[in-house]
Amino acid sequence: MHLDEPLSDKEFNELDRFLMSDSVGDDGMTMDALHGYLTAIALGPEMIPMAEWLPLVWGLPNQAEPKFKNNQEMQKITNLIARFMNEVQITFEVAPQEYEPLFCVMEQNGKELIDGETWAWGFWEGMNLREEAWEAAWESTIAPLLEPIYLLGAEEIEESELTLVDTPEKCHQLALSIETAIPEIRRFWAPIRKSGVVTVKRDAPKVGRNDPCPCGSGKKYKVCCGAEPTLH
Protein backbone atom coordinates (compact mmCIF):
# COMPACT_ATOMS: atom_id res chain seq x y z
CA MET A 1 0.00 0.00 0.00
CA HIS A 2 1.47 3.36 -1.04
CA LEU A 3 1.81 6.17 1.49
CA ASP A 4 -0.16 8.54 -0.73
CA GLU A 5 -3.29 6.35 -0.68
CA PRO A 6 -6.00 7.56 1.73
CA LEU A 7 -7.19 5.23 4.46
CA SER A 8 -10.12 3.01 3.58
CA ASP A 9 -13.05 2.87 6.03
CA LYS A 10 -11.75 -0.50 7.21
CA GLU A 11 -8.26 0.87 7.85
CA PHE A 12 -9.66 3.99 9.55
CA ASN A 13 -11.67 1.78 11.91
CA GLU A 14 -8.69 -0.47 12.54
CA LEU A 15 -6.54 2.48 13.55
CA ASP A 16 -9.39 3.86 15.65
CA ARG A 17 -9.71 0.55 17.53
CA PHE A 18 -5.99 0.43 18.23
CA LEU A 19 -5.89 4.01 19.55
CA MET A 20 -8.84 3.21 21.83
CA SER A 21 -7.28 -0.02 23.10
CA ASP A 22 -5.27 -0.72 26.24
CA SER A 23 -2.13 -0.85 24.09
CA VAL A 24 -1.80 2.93 24.37
CA GLY A 25 -1.91 5.24 27.38
CA ASP A 26 -4.90 6.94 28.95
CA ASP A 27 -3.67 10.20 27.42
CA GLY A 28 -3.28 8.68 23.97
CA MET A 29 -4.90 10.42 21.02
CA THR A 30 -8.20 9.35 19.54
CA MET A 31 -8.78 9.71 15.80
CA ASP A 32 -10.22 13.23 16.08
CA ALA A 33 -7.37 14.37 18.34
CA LEU A 34 -4.86 12.77 15.96
CA HIS A 35 -6.43 14.59 13.01
CA GLY A 36 -6.13 17.94 14.78
CA TYR A 37 -2.55 17.14 15.78
CA LEU A 38 -1.53 16.19 12.25
CA THR A 39 -3.28 19.25 10.84
CA ALA A 40 -1.23 21.59 13.04
CA ILE A 41 1.96 19.82 11.99
CA ALA A 42 0.99 19.80 8.30
CA LEU A 43 0.24 23.51 8.02
CA GLY A 44 2.50 24.96 10.73
CA PRO A 45 5.72 26.98 10.47
CA GLU A 46 8.14 24.06 10.18
CA MET A 47 8.22 20.53 8.86
CA ILE A 48 8.55 18.13 11.81
CA PRO A 49 9.95 14.62 11.38
CA MET A 50 7.64 11.73 12.22
CA ALA A 51 10.19 10.36 14.68
CA GLU A 52 9.60 13.47 16.78
CA TRP A 53 5.81 13.76 16.66
CA LEU A 54 4.78 10.09 16.68
CA PRO A 55 5.69 9.26 20.33
CA LEU A 56 3.23 11.87 21.61
CA VAL A 57 0.38 10.07 19.86
CA TRP A 58 0.59 7.14 22.26
CA GLY A 59 0.24 9.14 25.49
CA LEU A 60 2.60 6.86 27.40
CA PRO A 61 5.11 7.84 30.12
CA ASN A 62 8.56 8.80 28.88
CA GLN A 63 7.28 8.63 25.28
CA ALA A 64 7.31 4.83 25.41
CA GLU A 65 5.99 2.71 22.54
CA PRO A 66 2.62 0.93 22.79
CA LYS A 67 2.31 -2.76 23.58
CA PHE A 68 2.30 -4.05 20.03
CA LYS A 69 1.50 -7.73 19.60
CA ASN A 70 4.42 -8.14 17.25
CA ASN A 71 6.63 -6.26 14.80
CA GLN A 72 4.06 -6.72 12.05
CA GLU A 73 1.38 -4.87 14.04
CA MET A 74 3.85 -2.12 14.87
CA GLN A 75 4.68 -1.61 11.20
CA LYS A 76 1.03 -1.69 10.16
CA ILE A 77 -0.19 0.85 12.73
CA THR A 78 2.75 3.16 12.08
CA ASN A 79 2.08 2.94 8.35
CA LEU A 80 -1.60 3.78 8.85
CA ILE A 81 -0.68 6.88 10.87
CA ALA A 82 1.87 7.93 8.24
CA ARG A 83 -0.77 7.59 5.53
CA PHE A 84 -3.28 9.53 7.66
CA MET A 85 -0.72 12.33 7.86
CA ASN A 86 -0.07 12.20 4.11
CA GLU A 87 -3.80 12.38 3.50
CA VAL A 88 -3.92 15.69 5.40
CA GLN A 89 -0.83 17.05 3.63
CA ILE A 90 -1.97 16.04 0.16
CA THR A 91 -5.39 17.59 0.75
CA PHE A 92 -3.76 20.90 1.67
CA GLU A 93 -1.45 20.77 -1.35
CA VAL A 94 -3.90 19.53 -4.00
CA ALA A 95 -7.40 20.50 -2.86
CA PRO A 96 -7.26 22.68 0.28
CA GLN A 97 -10.90 23.68 -0.20
CA GLU A 98 -11.86 20.06 0.50
CA TYR A 99 -10.18 19.93 3.91
CA GLU A 100 -12.57 19.32 6.81
CA PRO A 101 -11.64 18.95 10.50
CA LEU A 102 -12.59 15.56 11.91
CA PHE A 103 -15.02 16.84 14.50
CA CYS A 104 -17.35 14.68 16.56
CA VAL A 105 -21.08 15.37 16.46
CA MET A 106 -23.41 15.04 19.43
CA GLU A 107 -27.13 15.48 19.91
CA GLN A 108 -28.30 18.08 22.38
CA ASN A 109 -32.02 18.78 22.91
CA GLY A 110 -32.85 17.33 19.53
CA LYS A 111 -30.15 19.36 17.74
CA GLU A 112 -26.88 18.13 16.27
CA LEU A 113 -23.96 20.06 17.70
CA ILE A 114 -20.28 19.85 16.80
CA ASP A 115 -17.92 18.78 19.56
CA GLY A 116 -14.53 20.10 18.50
CA GLU A 117 -12.74 19.99 21.85
CA THR A 118 -10.74 16.82 21.26
CA TRP A 119 -9.72 17.90 17.74
CA ALA A 120 -8.70 21.32 19.08
CA TRP A 121 -6.68 19.69 21.86
CA GLY A 122 -4.80 17.67 19.25
CA PHE A 123 -4.13 20.83 17.21
CA TRP A 124 -2.95 22.60 20.36
CA GLU A 125 -0.53 19.74 21.07
CA GLY A 126 0.79 20.05 17.51
CA MET A 127 1.31 23.79 17.99
CA ASN A 128 3.23 23.14 21.22
CA LEU A 129 5.80 21.11 19.30
CA ARG A 130 6.98 24.44 17.84
CA GLU A 131 5.62 26.84 20.44
CA GLU A 132 8.21 29.55 19.81
CA ALA A 133 7.71 29.47 16.05
CA TRP A 134 3.93 29.80 16.48
CA GLU A 135 4.47 33.06 18.40
CA ALA A 136 4.70 34.84 15.04
CA ALA A 137 1.07 33.89 14.37
CA TRP A 138 -0.07 35.03 17.81
CA GLU A 139 1.54 38.42 17.14
CA SER A 140 -0.05 38.75 13.70
CA THR A 141 -3.46 39.62 12.26
CA ILE A 142 -4.52 35.93 12.42
CA ALA A 143 -4.25 35.81 16.22
CA PRO A 144 -8.07 36.04 16.60
CA LEU A 145 -8.38 32.96 14.37
CA LEU A 146 -6.30 30.97 16.86
CA GLU A 147 -8.42 31.96 19.85
CA PRO A 148 -11.12 29.27 19.32
CA ILE A 149 -8.40 26.60 19.13
CA TYR A 150 -6.95 27.89 22.39
CA LEU A 151 -10.34 28.09 24.11
CA LEU A 152 -11.35 24.55 23.14
CA GLY A 153 -7.98 22.85 23.11
CA ALA A 154 -5.69 24.30 25.77
CA GLU A 155 -5.25 22.34 28.99
CA GLU A 156 -6.04 25.49 30.98
CA ILE A 157 -7.69 28.78 30.09
CA GLU A 158 -8.21 31.93 32.14
CA GLU A 159 -11.07 31.89 34.62
CA SER A 160 -12.54 34.94 32.89
CA GLU A 161 -12.72 32.91 29.65
CA LEU A 162 -14.71 30.00 31.07
CA THR A 163 -18.00 31.67 30.16
CA LEU A 164 -16.98 31.41 26.48
CA VAL A 165 -17.05 27.60 26.62
CA ASP A 166 -19.66 26.85 29.28
CA THR A 167 -22.38 25.50 26.98
CA PRO A 168 -22.37 22.98 24.11
CA GLU A 169 -23.88 25.67 21.87
CA LYS A 170 -20.96 28.04 22.49
CA CYS A 171 -18.46 25.24 21.84
CA HIS A 172 -20.33 24.40 18.63
CA GLN A 173 -19.90 27.97 17.39
CA LEU A 174 -16.20 27.95 18.29
CA ALA A 175 -15.75 24.72 16.32
CA LEU A 176 -17.42 26.31 13.30
CA SER A 177 -15.02 29.26 13.67
CA ILE A 178 -12.07 26.86 13.63
CA GLU A 179 -13.25 25.25 10.40
CA THR A 180 -13.47 28.68 8.78
CA ALA A 181 -10.07 29.73 10.16
CA ILE A 182 -7.99 26.76 8.97
CA PRO A 183 -7.54 28.00 5.35
CA GLU A 184 -6.40 31.42 6.64
CA ILE A 185 -3.96 29.87 9.12
CA ARG A 186 -2.57 27.71 6.33
CA ARG A 187 -2.17 30.72 4.03
CA PHE A 188 -0.34 32.60 6.77
CA TRP A 189 2.33 29.92 7.15
CA ALA A 190 2.62 28.79 3.51
CA PRO A 191 5.14 31.47 2.35
CA ILE A 192 7.39 31.09 5.39
CA ARG A 193 7.04 27.41 6.22
CA LYS A 194 10.50 26.10 7.05
CA SER A 195 11.94 22.76 6.11
CA GLY A 196 12.83 20.34 8.88
CA VAL A 197 16.29 19.99 7.32
CA VAL A 198 19.02 21.63 9.36
CA THR A 199 21.16 24.11 7.45
CA VAL A 200 24.85 23.45 8.06
CA LYS A 201 27.05 26.52 8.25
CA ARG A 202 30.20 26.09 6.17
CA ASP A 203 33.33 27.23 8.00
CA ALA A 204 35.64 26.60 5.05
CA PRO A 205 36.35 29.53 2.69
CA LYS A 206 34.25 29.86 -0.45
CA VAL A 207 35.60 27.89 -3.40
CA GLY A 208 36.76 30.05 -6.34
CA ARG A 209 35.43 29.15 -9.77
CA ASN A 210 38.96 28.36 -11.03
CA ASP A 211 39.97 26.43 -7.91
CA PRO A 212 40.10 22.61 -7.88
CA CYS A 213 36.63 21.23 -7.14
CA PRO A 214 36.37 20.11 -3.48
CA CYS A 215 34.64 16.90 -4.58
CA GLY A 216 38.05 15.52 -5.59
CA SER A 217 37.35 15.08 -9.29
CA GLY A 218 40.50 16.98 -10.28
CA LYS A 219 38.46 19.37 -12.44
CA LYS A 220 38.05 23.09 -11.88
CA TYR A 221 35.06 23.97 -9.73
CA LYS A 222 33.39 25.98 -12.55
CA VAL A 223 33.19 22.93 -14.83
CA CYS A 224 32.31 20.44 -12.10
CA CYS A 225 30.05 21.03 -9.08
CA GLY A 226 29.97 24.76 -9.78
CA ALA A 227 28.76 24.40 -13.36
CA GLU A 228 25.51 26.05 -14.35
CA PRO A 229 22.67 23.50 -14.54
CA THR A 230 21.60 22.46 -18.03
CA LEU A 231 17.92 22.50 -18.88
CA HIS A 232 16.65 19.40 -20.67
C-alpha atoms as a PDB file:
ATOM      1  CA  MET A   1       0.000   0.000   0.000  1.00  0.00           C
ATOM      2  CA  HIS A   2       1.474   3.355  -1.039  1.00  0.00           C
ATOM      3  CA  LEU A   3       1.815   6.169   1.491  1.00  0.00           C
ATOM      4  CA  ASP A   4      -0.165   8.539  -0.728  1.00  0.00           C
ATOM      5  CA  GLU A   5      -3.286   6.353  -0.684  1.00  0.00           C
ATOM      6  CA  PRO A   6      -5.999   7.555   1.734  1.00  0.00           C
ATOM      7  CA  LEU A   7      -7.185   5.228   4.457  1.00  0.00           C
ATOM      8  CA  SER A   8     -10.120   3.009   3.582  1.00  0.00           C
ATOM      9  CA  ASP A   9     -13.045   2.871   6.028  1.00  0.00           C
ATOM     10  CA  LYS A  10     -11.754  -0.500   7.213  1.00  0.00           C
ATOM     11  CA  GLU A  11      -8.258   0.871   7.851  1.00  0.00           C
ATOM     12  CA  PHE A  12      -9.657   3.986   9.551  1.00  0.00           C
ATOM     13  CA  ASN A  13     -11.671   1.783  11.909  1.00  0.00           C
ATOM     14  CA  GLU A  14      -8.688  -0.475  12.542  1.00  0.00           C
ATOM     15  CA  LEU A  15      -6.536   2.483  13.554  1.00  0.00           C
ATOM     16  CA  ASP A  16      -9.386   3.862  15.646  1.00  0.00           C
ATOM     17  CA  ARG A  17      -9.714   0.552  17.532  1.00  0.00           C
ATOM     18  CA  PHE A  18      -5.990   0.434  18.227  1.00  0.00           C
ATOM     19  CA  LEU A  19      -5.891   4.007  19.550  1.00  0.00           C
ATOM     20  CA  MET A  20      -8.843   3.206  21.827  1.00  0.00           C
ATOM     21  CA  SER A  21      -7.278  -0.023  23.096  1.00  0.00           C
ATOM     22  CA  ASP A  22      -5.265  -0.718  26.240  1.00  0.00           C
ATOM     23  CA  SER A  23      -2.128  -0.847  24.093  1.00  0.00           C
ATOM     24  CA  VAL A  24      -1.802   2.933  24.371  1.00  0.00           C
ATOM     25  CA  GLY A  25      -1.910   5.239  27.377  1.00  0.00           C
ATOM     26  CA  ASP A  26      -4.905   6.937  28.950  1.00  0.00           C
ATOM     27  CA  ASP A  27      -3.668  10.202  27.417  1.00  0.00           C
ATOM     28  CA  GLY A  28      -3.280   8.681  23.971  1.00  0.00           C
ATOM     29  CA  MET A  29      -4.898  10.420  21.018  1.00  0.00           C
ATOM     30  CA  THR A  30      -8.203   9.347  19.543  1.00  0.00           C
ATOM     31  CA  MET A  31      -8.782   9.714  15.797  1.00  0.00           C
ATOM     32  CA  ASP A  32     -10.221  13.226  16.078  1.00  0.00           C
ATOM     33  CA  ALA A  33      -7.367  14.373  18.337  1.00  0.00           C
ATOM     34  CA  LEU A  34      -4.864  12.774  15.959  1.00  0.00           C
ATOM     35  CA  HIS A  35      -6.433  14.594  13.008  1.00  0.00           C
ATOM     36  CA  GLY A  36      -6.130  17.941  14.780  1.00  0.00           C
ATOM     37  CA  TYR A  37      -2.546  17.138  15.784  1.00  0.00           C
ATOM     38  CA  LEU A  38      -1.535  16.186  12.245  1.00  0.00           C
ATOM     39  CA  THR A  39      -3.277  19.247  10.842  1.00  0.00           C
ATOM     40  CA  ALA A  40      -1.228  21.591  13.035  1.00  0.00           C
ATOM     41  CA  ILE A  41       1.964  19.817  11.988  1.00  0.00           C
ATOM     42  CA  ALA A  42       0.994  19.796   8.303  1.00  0.00           C
ATOM     43  CA  LEU A  43       0.236  23.511   8.018  1.00  0.00           C
ATOM     44  CA  GLY A  44       2.498  24.964  10.732  1.00  0.00           C
ATOM     45  CA  PRO A  45       5.721  26.980  10.468  1.00  0.00           C
ATOM     46  CA  GLU A  46       8.139  24.057  10.181  1.00  0.00           C
ATOM     47  CA  MET A  47       8.223  20.529   8.860  1.00  0.00           C
ATOM     48  CA  ILE A  48       8.547  18.134  11.807  1.00  0.00           C
ATOM     49  CA  PRO A  49       9.948  14.621  11.379  1.00  0.00           C
ATOM     50  CA  MET A  50       7.637  11.731  12.219  1.00  0.00           C
ATOM     51  CA  ALA A  51      10.194  10.359  14.679  1.00  0.00           C
ATOM     52  CA  GLU A  52       9.597  13.473  16.785  1.00  0.00           C
ATOM     53  CA  TRP A  53       5.811  13.762  16.660  1.00  0.00           C
ATOM     54  CA  LEU A  54       4.782  10.087  16.682  1.00  0.00           C
ATOM     55  CA  PRO A  55       5.694   9.258  20.329  1.00  0.00           C
ATOM     56  CA  LEU A  56       3.233  11.871  21.613  1.00  0.00           C
ATOM     57  CA  VAL A  57       0.375  10.072  19.858  1.00  0.00           C
ATOM     58  CA  TRP A  58       0.595   7.144  22.263  1.00  0.00           C
ATOM     59  CA  GLY A  59       0.244   9.141  25.488  1.00  0.00           C
ATOM     60  CA  LEU A  60       2.600   6.861  27.397  1.00  0.00           C
ATOM     61  CA  PRO A  61       5.109   7.842  30.121  1.00  0.00           C
ATOM     62  CA  ASN A  62       8.564   8.800  28.878  1.00  0.00           C
ATOM     63  CA  GLN A  63       7.276   8.626  25.279  1.00  0.00           C
ATOM     64  CA  ALA A  64       7.314   4.827  25.407  1.00  0.00           C
ATOM     65  CA  GLU A  65       5.992   2.710  22.541  1.00  0.00           C
ATOM     66  CA  PRO A  66       2.621   0.928  22.785  1.00  0.00           C
ATOM     67  CA  LYS A  67       2.306  -2.758  23.578  1.00  0.00           C
ATOM     68  CA  PHE A  68       2.301  -4.052  20.025  1.00  0.00           C
ATOM     69  CA  LYS A  69       1.495  -7.735  19.604  1.00  0.00           C
ATOM     70  CA  ASN A  70       4.423  -8.137  17.245  1.00  0.00           C
ATOM     71  CA  ASN A  71       6.626  -6.262  14.805  1.00  0.00           C
ATOM     72  CA  GLN A  72       4.055  -6.717  12.047  1.00  0.00           C
ATOM     73  CA  GLU A  73       1.378  -4.874  14.036  1.00  0.00           C
ATOM     74  CA  MET A  74       3.853  -2.118  14.871  1.00  0.00           C
ATOM     75  CA  GLN A  75       4.680  -1.605  11.203  1.00  0.00           C
ATOM     76  CA  LYS A  76       1.031  -1.694  10.158  1.00  0.00           C
ATOM     77  CA  ILE A  77      -0.192   0.851  12.728  1.00  0.00           C
ATOM     78  CA  THR A  78       2.749   3.160  12.081  1.00  0.00           C
ATOM     79  CA  ASN A  79       2.084   2.944   8.349  1.00  0.00           C
ATOM     80  CA  LEU A  80      -1.604   3.782   8.854  1.00  0.00           C
ATOM     81  CA  ILE A  81      -0.683   6.883  10.872  1.00  0.00           C
ATOM     82  CA  ALA A  82       1.873   7.933   8.236  1.00  0.00           C
ATOM     83  CA  ARG A  83      -0.774   7.593   5.530  1.00  0.00           C
ATOM     84  CA  PHE A  84      -3.282   9.530   7.657  1.00  0.00           C
ATOM     85  CA  MET A  85      -0.722  12.334   7.857  1.00  0.00           C
ATOM     86  CA  ASN A  86      -0.072  12.204   4.108  1.00  0.00           C
ATOM     87  CA  GLU A  87      -3.803  12.378   3.502  1.00  0.00           C
ATOM     88  CA  VAL A  88      -3.918  15.689   5.398  1.00  0.00           C
ATOM     89  CA  GLN A  89      -0.829  17.050   3.634  1.00  0.00           C
ATOM     90  CA  ILE A  90      -1.972  16.042   0.161  1.00  0.00           C
ATOM     91  CA  THR A  91      -5.391  17.594   0.747  1.00  0.00           C
ATOM     92  CA  PHE A  92      -3.757  20.904   1.666  1.00  0.00           C
ATOM     93  CA  GLU A  93      -1.451  20.768  -1.351  1.00  0.00           C
ATOM     94  CA  VAL A  94      -3.905  19.532  -3.998  1.00  0.00           C
ATOM     95  CA  ALA A  95      -7.395  20.504  -2.865  1.00  0.00           C
ATOM     96  CA  PRO A  96      -7.256  22.681   0.281  1.00  0.00           C
ATOM     97  CA  GLN A  97     -10.901  23.680  -0.204  1.00  0.00           C
ATOM     98  CA  GLU A  98     -11.860  20.058   0.503  1.00  0.00           C
ATOM     99  CA  TYR A  99     -10.178  19.928   3.910  1.00  0.00           C
ATOM    100  CA  GLU A 100     -12.568  19.320   6.812  1.00  0.00           C
ATOM    101  CA  PRO A 101     -11.640  18.951  10.498  1.00  0.00           C
ATOM    102  CA  LEU A 102     -12.586  15.556  11.906  1.00  0.00           C
ATOM    103  CA  PHE A 103     -15.024  16.845  14.496  1.00  0.00           C
ATOM    104  CA  CYS A 104     -17.349  14.679  16.564  1.00  0.00           C
ATOM    105  CA  VAL A 105     -21.080  15.368  16.462  1.00  0.00           C
ATOM    106  CA  MET A 106     -23.405  15.036  19.434  1.00  0.00           C
ATOM    107  CA  GLU A 107     -27.129  15.479  19.913  1.00  0.00           C
ATOM    108  CA  GLN A 108     -28.304  18.081  22.381  1.00  0.00           C
ATOM    109  CA  ASN A 109     -32.015  18.779  22.909  1.00  0.00           C
ATOM    110  CA  GLY A 110     -32.851  17.331  19.527  1.00  0.00           C
ATOM    111  CA  LYS A 111     -30.150  19.357  17.738  1.00  0.00           C
ATOM    112  CA  GLU A 112     -26.882  18.135  16.267  1.00  0.00           C
ATOM    113  CA  LEU A 113     -23.962  20.059  17.704  1.00  0.00           C
ATOM    114  CA  ILE A 114     -20.281  19.854  16.800  1.00  0.00           C
ATOM    115  CA  ASP A 115     -17.921  18.783  19.556  1.00  0.00           C
ATOM    116  CA  GLY A 116     -14.527  20.098  18.496  1.00  0.00           C
ATOM    117  CA  GLU A 117     -12.743  19.992  21.849  1.00  0.00           C
ATOM    118  CA  THR A 118     -10.739  16.819  21.260  1.00  0.00           C
ATOM    119  CA  TRP A 119      -9.721  17.899  17.741  1.00  0.00           C
ATOM    120  CA  ALA A 120      -8.704  21.325  19.076  1.00  0.00           C
ATOM    121  CA  TRP A 121      -6.684  19.690  21.860  1.00  0.00           C
ATOM    122  CA  GLY A 122      -4.800  17.675  19.248  1.00  0.00           C
ATOM    123  CA  PHE A 123      -4.135  20.825  17.210  1.00  0.00           C
ATOM    124  CA  TRP A 124      -2.949  22.596  20.357  1.00  0.00           C
ATOM    125  CA  GLU A 125      -0.534  19.737  21.075  1.00  0.00           C
ATOM    126  CA  GLY A 126       0.793  20.054  17.514  1.00  0.00           C
ATOM    127  CA  MET A 127       1.313  23.793  17.993  1.00  0.00           C
ATOM    128  CA  ASN A 128       3.229  23.143  21.216  1.00  0.00           C
ATOM    129  CA  LEU A 129       5.805  21.106  19.300  1.00  0.00           C
ATOM    130  CA  ARG A 130       6.978  24.440  17.844  1.00  0.00           C
ATOM    131  CA  GLU A 131       5.618  26.836  20.444  1.00  0.00           C
ATOM    132  CA  GLU A 132       8.213  29.545  19.808  1.00  0.00           C
ATOM    133  CA  ALA A 133       7.711  29.473  16.047  1.00  0.00           C
ATOM    134  CA  TRP A 134       3.925  29.799  16.475  1.00  0.00           C
ATOM    135  CA  GLU A 135       4.473  33.063  18.399  1.00  0.00           C
ATOM    136  CA  ALA A 136       4.696  34.841  15.035  1.00  0.00           C
ATOM    137  CA  ALA A 137       1.075  33.894  14.369  1.00  0.00           C
ATOM    138  CA  TRP A 138      -0.069  35.035  17.812  1.00  0.00           C
ATOM    139  CA  GLU A 139       1.541  38.417  17.141  1.00  0.00           C
ATOM    140  CA  SER A 140      -0.055  38.752  13.696  1.00  0.00           C
ATOM    141  CA  THR A 141      -3.461  39.617  12.261  1.00  0.00           C
ATOM    142  CA  ILE A 142      -4.517  35.934  12.422  1.00  0.00           C
ATOM    143  CA  ALA A 143      -4.250  35.809  16.220  1.00  0.00           C
ATOM    144  CA  PRO A 144      -8.075  36.042  16.604  1.00  0.00           C
ATOM    145  CA  LEU A 145      -8.380  32.958  14.373  1.00  0.00           C
ATOM    146  CA  LEU A 146      -6.296  30.966  16.858  1.00  0.00           C
ATOM    147  CA  GLU A 147      -8.421  31.959  19.845  1.00  0.00           C
ATOM    148  CA  PRO A 148     -11.123  29.270  19.321  1.00  0.00           C
ATOM    149  CA  ILE A 149      -8.402  26.596  19.128  1.00  0.00           C
ATOM    150  CA  TYR A 150      -6.946  27.885  22.385  1.00  0.00           C
ATOM    151  CA  LEU A 151     -10.340  28.094  24.108  1.00  0.00           C
ATOM    152  CA  LEU A 152     -11.349  24.554  23.136  1.00  0.00           C
ATOM    153  CA  GLY A 153      -7.976  22.851  23.109  1.00  0.00           C
ATOM    154  CA  ALA A 154      -5.691  24.301  25.772  1.00  0.00           C
ATOM    155  CA  GLU A 155      -5.250  22.336  28.985  1.00  0.00           C
ATOM    156  CA  GLU A 156      -6.041  25.489  30.984  1.00  0.00           C
ATOM    157  CA  ILE A 157      -7.685  28.776  30.093  1.00  0.00           C
ATOM    158  CA  GLU A 158      -8.207  31.925  32.142  1.00  0.00           C
ATOM    159  CA  GLU A 159     -11.074  31.886  34.617  1.00  0.00           C
ATOM    160  CA  SER A 160     -12.541  34.939  32.886  1.00  0.00           C
ATOM    161  CA  GLU A 161     -12.719  32.909  29.645  1.00  0.00           C
ATOM    162  CA  LEU A 162     -14.712  30.003  31.065  1.00  0.00           C
ATOM    163  CA  THR A 163     -17.997  31.669  30.160  1.00  0.00           C
ATOM    164  CA  LEU A 164     -16.978  31.410  26.479  1.00  0.00           C
ATOM    165  CA  VAL A 165     -17.049  27.599  26.617  1.00  0.00           C
ATOM    166  CA  ASP A 166     -19.663  26.848  29.281  1.00  0.00           C
ATOM    167  CA  THR A 167     -22.381  25.498  26.981  1.00  0.00           C
ATOM    168  CA  PRO A 168     -22.370  22.978  24.110  1.00  0.00           C
ATOM    169  CA  GLU A 169     -23.875  25.668  21.866  1.00  0.00           C
ATOM    170  CA  LYS A 170     -20.959  28.036  22.486  1.00  0.00           C
ATOM    171  CA  CYS A 171     -18.463  25.243  21.843  1.00  0.00           C
ATOM    172  CA  HIS A 172     -20.331  24.396  18.634  1.00  0.00           C
ATOM    173  CA  GLN A 173     -19.898  27.972  17.390  1.00  0.00           C
ATOM    174  CA  LEU A 174     -16.201  27.946  18.288  1.00  0.00           C
ATOM    175  CA  ALA A 175     -15.753  24.722  16.317  1.00  0.00           C
ATOM    176  CA  LEU A 176     -17.420  26.310  13.297  1.00  0.00           C
ATOM    177  CA  SER A 177     -15.018  29.258  13.668  1.00  0.00           C
ATOM    178  CA  ILE A 178     -12.071  26.861  13.629  1.00  0.00           C
ATOM    179  CA  GLU A 179     -13.245  25.247  10.396  1.00  0.00           C
ATOM    180  CA  THR A 180     -13.468  28.683   8.778  1.00  0.00           C
ATOM    181  CA  ALA A 181     -10.072  29.727  10.159  1.00  0.00           C
ATOM    182  CA  ILE A 182      -7.995  26.758   8.972  1.00  0.00           C
ATOM    183  CA  PRO A 183      -7.542  28.003   5.352  1.00  0.00           C
ATOM    184  CA  GLU A 184      -6.404  31.420   6.640  1.00  0.00           C
ATOM    185  CA  ILE A 185      -3.959  29.871   9.123  1.00  0.00           C
ATOM    186  CA  ARG A 186      -2.567  27.712   6.330  1.00  0.00           C
ATOM    187  CA  ARG A 187      -2.170  30.723   4.029  1.00  0.00           C
ATOM    188  CA  PHE A 188      -0.336  32.604   6.766  1.00  0.00           C
ATOM    189  CA  TRP A 189       2.327  29.920   7.146  1.00  0.00           C
ATOM    190  CA  ALA A 190       2.615  28.790   3.514  1.00  0.00           C
ATOM    191  CA  PRO A 191       5.138  31.466   2.350  1.00  0.00           C
ATOM    192  CA  ILE A 192       7.388  31.089   5.395  1.00  0.00           C
ATOM    193  CA  ARG A 193       7.043  27.408   6.220  1.00  0.00           C
ATOM    194  CA  LYS A 194      10.497  26.103   7.052  1.00  0.00           C
ATOM    195  CA  SER A 195      11.940  22.761   6.108  1.00  0.00           C
ATOM    196  CA  GLY A 196      12.834  20.341   8.878  1.00  0.00           C
ATOM    197  CA  VAL A 197      16.294  19.990   7.320  1.00  0.00           C
ATOM    198  CA  VAL A 198      19.024  21.626   9.363  1.00  0.00           C
ATOM    199  CA  THR A 199      21.157  24.109   7.452  1.00  0.00           C
ATOM    200  CA  VAL A 200      24.854  23.448   8.055  1.00  0.00           C
ATOM    201  CA  LYS A 201      27.052  26.517   8.247  1.00  0.00           C
ATOM    202  CA  ARG A 202      30.197  26.093   6.168  1.00  0.00           C
ATOM    203  CA  ASP A 203      33.334  27.235   8.001  1.00  0.00           C
ATOM    204  CA  ALA A 204      35.636  26.598   5.052  1.00  0.00           C
ATOM    205  CA  PRO A 205      36.345  29.534   2.691  1.00  0.00           C
ATOM    206  CA  LYS A 206      34.248  29.860  -0.446  1.00  0.00           C
ATOM    207  CA  VAL A 207      35.600  27.886  -3.395  1.00  0.00           C
ATOM    208  CA  GLY A 208      36.765  30.051  -6.335  1.00  0.00           C
ATOM    209  CA  ARG A 209      35.429  29.154  -9.766  1.00  0.00           C
ATOM    210  CA  ASN A 210      38.961  28.361 -11.033  1.00  0.00           C
ATOM    211  CA  ASP A 211      39.972  26.427  -7.907  1.00  0.00           C
ATOM    212  CA  PRO A 212      40.101  22.611  -7.883  1.00  0.00           C
ATOM    213  CA  CYS A 213      36.635  21.226  -7.141  1.00  0.00           C
ATOM    214  CA  PRO A 214      36.370  20.108  -3.482  1.00  0.00           C
ATOM    215  CA  CYS A 215      34.640  16.899  -4.585  1.00  0.00           C
ATOM    216  CA  GLY A 216      38.052  15.518  -5.586  1.00  0.00           C
ATOM    217  CA  SER A 217      37.349  15.083  -9.295  1.00  0.00           C
ATOM    218  CA  GLY A 218      40.500  16.983 -10.283  1.00  0.00           C
ATOM    219  CA  LYS A 219      38.462  19.375 -12.443  1.00  0.00           C
ATOM    220  CA  LYS A 220      38.047  23.088 -11.885  1.00  0.00           C
ATOM    221  CA  TYR A 221      35.058  23.973  -9.735  1.00  0.00           C
ATOM    222  CA  LYS A 222      33.392  25.980 -12.545  1.00  0.00           C
ATOM    223  CA  VAL A 223      33.193  22.929 -14.829  1.00  0.00           C
ATOM    224  CA  CYS A 224      32.313  20.436 -12.100  1.00  0.00           C
ATOM    225  CA  CYS A 225      30.052  21.030  -9.077  1.00  0.00           C
ATOM    226  CA  GLY A 226      29.966  24.763  -9.784  1.00  0.00           C
ATOM    227  CA  ALA A 227      28.765  24.398 -13.363  1.00  0.00           C
ATOM    228  CA  GLU A 228      25.511  26.053 -14.353  1.00  0.00           C
ATOM    229  CA  PRO A 229      22.670  23.498 -14.543  1.00  0.00           C
ATOM    230  CA  THR A 230      21.603  22.463 -18.034  1.00  0.00           C
ATOM    231  CA  LEU A 231      17.923  22.496 -18.883  1.00  0.00           C
ATOM    232  CA  HIS A 232      16.646  19.397 -20.672  1.00  0.00           C
END
